[in-house]
Amino acid sequence: MGDAGEGLVDAESRLAERMEEREQEKRNARLAPSTVDPERTREIESLRLAKTEMQRQLDLTTHEVRRSMLTQAIGEIDKRLKALSPK
């Protein structure tokens, strides 16, 4: 019976340690300056979505002039994404 009690105490101490670690991680996250620019992130995601849609349209389009326009648009999106990517 004594062994079971020791296991329970060990589990409780590990749980307490883990809770303390998580609290410390939360404190560090709050104190660390945010390096993520939400506007930049939004713009990147918007461009990725637009590129996906243009690519879908390009895959379905058979008209050569439209295909050319879509190819140019995808190229422009790629340039903008490259400009926004971290260096």
C-alpha atoms as a PDB file:
ATOM      1  CA  MET A   1       0.000   0.000   0.000  1.00  0.00           C
ATOM      2  CA  GLY A   2       2.900   2.331   0.672  1.00  0.00           C
ATOM      3  CA  ASP A   3       4.136   2.118  -2.936  1.00  0.00           C
ATOM      4  CA  ALA A   4       0.830   3.375  -4.309  1.00  0.00           C
ATOM      5  CA  GLY A   5       0.968   6.397  -2.028  1.00  0.00           C
ATOM      6  CA  GLU A   6       4.502   7.215  -3.179  1.00  0.00           C
ATOM      7  CA  GLY A   7       3.417   7.046  -6.819  1.00  0.00           C
ATOM      8  CA  LEU A   8       0.569   9.427  -6.103  1.00  0.00           C
ATOM      9  CA  VAL A   9       2.904  11.888  -4.373  1.00  0.00           C
ATOM     10  CA  ASP A  10       5.341  11.684  -7.311  1.00  0.00           C
ATOM     11  CA  ALA A  11       2.532  12.318  -9.798  1.00  0.00           C
ATOM     12  CA  GLU A  12       1.318  15.287  -7.792  1.00  0.00           C
ATOM     13  CA  SER A  13       4.794  16.804  -7.631  1.00  0.00           C
ATOM     14  CA  ARG A  14       5.304  16.320 -11.380  1.00  0.00           C
ATOM     15  CA  LEU A  15       1.921  17.924 -12.008  1.00  0.00           C
ATOM     16  CA  ALA A  16       2.825  20.867  -9.762  1.00  0.00           C
ATOM     17  CA  GLU A  17       6.157  21.290 -11.563  1.00  0.00           C
ATOM     18  CA  ARG A  18       4.457  21.229 -14.945  1.00  0.00           C
ATOM     19  CA  MET A  19       1.883  23.804 -13.830  1.00  0.00           C
ATOM     20  CA  GLU A  20       4.691  26.084 -12.605  1.00  0.00           C
ATOM     21  CA  GLU A  21       6.498  25.692 -15.940  1.00  0.00           C
ATOM     22  CA  ARG A  22       3.354  26.606 -17.865  1.00  0.00           C
ATOM     23  CA  GLU A  23       2.786  29.674 -15.695  1.00  0.00           C
ATOM     24  CA  GLN A  24       6.378  30.758 -16.327  1.00  0.00           C
ATOM     25  CA  GLU A  25       5.909  30.249 -20.092  1.00  0.00           C
ATOM     26  CA  LYS A  26       2.766  32.402 -19.982  1.00  0.00           C
ATOM     27  CA  ARG A  27       4.589  35.142 -18.079  1.00  0.00           C
ATOM     28  CA  ASN A  28       7.477  35.075 -20.552  1.00  0.00           C
ATOM     29  CA  ALA A  29       5.093  35.224 -23.508  1.00  0.00           C
ATOM     30  CA  ARG A  30       3.349  38.277 -22.055  1.00  0.00           C
ATOM     31  CA  LEU A  31       6.617  40.065 -21.348  1.00  0.00           C
ATOM     32  CA  ALA A  32       8.251  39.278 -24.697  1.00  0.00           C
ATOM     33  CA  PRO A  33       7.668  41.939 -27.327  1.00  0.00           C
ATOM     34  CA  SER A  34       5.502  40.778 -30.165  1.00  0.00           C
ATOM     35  CA  THR A  35       7.527  40.520 -33.359  1.00  0.00           C
ATOM     36  CA  VAL A  36       4.546  39.538 -35.482  1.00  0.00           C
ATOM     37  CA  ASP A  37       3.032  42.354 -37.497  1.00  0.00           C
ATOM     38  CA  PRO A  38      -0.678  41.528 -37.793  1.00  0.00           C
ATOM     39  CA  GLU A  39      -1.155  43.790 -40.827  1.00  0.00           C
ATOM     40  CA  ARG A  40       1.722  42.125 -42.673  1.00  0.00           C
ATOM     41  CA  THR A  41       0.420  38.677 -41.749  1.00  0.00           C
ATOM     42  CA  ARG A  42      -3.055  39.615 -42.998  1.00  0.00           C
ATOM     43  CA  GLU A  43      -1.629  40.880 -46.276  1.00  0.00           C
ATOM     44  CA  ILE A  44       0.423  37.714 -46.822  1.00  0.00           C
ATOM     45  CA  GLU A  45      -2.585  35.497 -46.137  1.00  0.00           C
ATOM     46  CA  SER A  46      -4.731  37.596 -48.455  1.00  0.00           C
ATOM     47  CA  LEU A  47      -2.166  37.280 -51.252  1.00  0.00           C
ATOM     48  CA  ARG A  48      -1.889  33.523 -50.737  1.00  0.00           C
ATOM     49  CA  LEU A  49      -5.651  33.179 -50.949  1.00  0.00           C
ATOM     50  CA  ALA A  50      -5.766  35.319 -54.093  1.00  0.00           C
ATOM     51  CA  LYS A  51      -2.997  33.234 -55.661  1.00  0.00           C
ATOM     52  CA  THR A  52      -4.865  30.022 -54.885  1.00  0.00           C
ATOM     53  CA  GLU A  53      -8.013  31.394 -56.512  1.00  0.00           C
ATOM     54  CA  MET A  54      -6.104  32.641 -59.580  1.00  0.00           C
ATOM     55  CA  GLN A  55      -4.399  29.273 -59.929  1.00  0.00           C
ATOM     56  CA  ARG A  56      -7.764  27.507 -59.726  1.00  0.00           C
ATOM     57  CA  GLN A  57      -9.162  29.780 -62.438  1.00  0.00           C
ATOM     58  CA  LEU A  58      -6.074  29.230 -64.586  1.00  0.00           C
ATOM     59  CA  ASP A  59      -6.490  25.462 -64.308  1.00  0.00           C
ATOM     60  CA  LEU A  60     -10.098  25.718 -65.515  1.00  0.00           C
ATOM     61  CA  THR A  61      -9.726  28.372 -68.231  1.00  0.00           C
ATOM     62  CA  THR A  62      -9.184  27.451 -71.869  1.00  0.00           C
ATOM     63  CA  HIS A  63      -9.299  30.948 -73.410  1.00  0.00           C
ATOM     64  CA  GLU A  64      -5.713  32.012 -74.163  1.00  0.00           C
ATOM     65  CA  VAL A  65      -6.158  35.725 -73.421  1.00  0.00           C
ATOM     66  CA  ARG A  66      -7.693  34.924 -70.025  1.00  0.00           C
ATOM     67  CA  ARG A  67      -4.913  32.429 -69.297  1.00  0.00           C
ATOM     68  CA  SER A  68      -2.348  35.111 -70.111  1.00  0.00           C
ATOM     69  CA  MET A  69      -4.044  37.604 -67.778  1.00  0.00           C
ATOM     70  CA  LEU A  70      -4.179  35.053 -64.964  1.00  0.00           C
ATOM     71  CA  THR A  71      -0.520  34.120 -65.462  1.00  0.00           C
ATOM     72  CA  GLN A  72       0.466  37.789 -65.212  1.00  0.00           C
ATOM     73  CA  ALA A  73      -1.672  38.226 -62.095  1.00  0.00           C
ATOM     74  CA  ILE A  74      -0.071  35.199 -60.439  1.00  0.00           C
ATOM     75  CA  GLY A  75       3.360  36.591 -61.303  1.00  0.00           C
ATOM     76  CA  GLU A  76       2.470  39.907 -59.677  1.00  0.00           C
ATOM     77  CA  ILE A  77       1.197  38.139 -56.573  1.00  0.00           C
ATOM     78  CA  ASP A  78       4.432  36.128 -56.390  1.00  0.00           C
ATOM     79  CA  LYS A  79       6.459  39.368 -56.566  1.00  0.00           C
ATOM     80  CA  ARG A  80       4.442  40.895 -53.745  1.00  0.00           C
ATOM     81  CA  LEU A  81       4.774  37.757 -51.625  1.00  0.00           C
ATOM     82  CA  LYS A  82       8.522  37.722 -52.182  1.00  0.00           C
ATOM     83  CA  ALA A  83       8.736  41.380 -51.128  1.00  0.00           C
ATOM     84  CA  LEU A  84       6.805  40.632 -47.933  1.00  0.00           C
ATOM     85  CA  SER A  85       8.691  37.431 -47.028  1.00  0.00           C
ATOM     86  CA  PRO A  86      11.126  37.671 -44.134  1.00  0.00           C
ATOM     87  CA  LYS A  87      14.666  38.286 -45.190  1.00  0.00           C
END
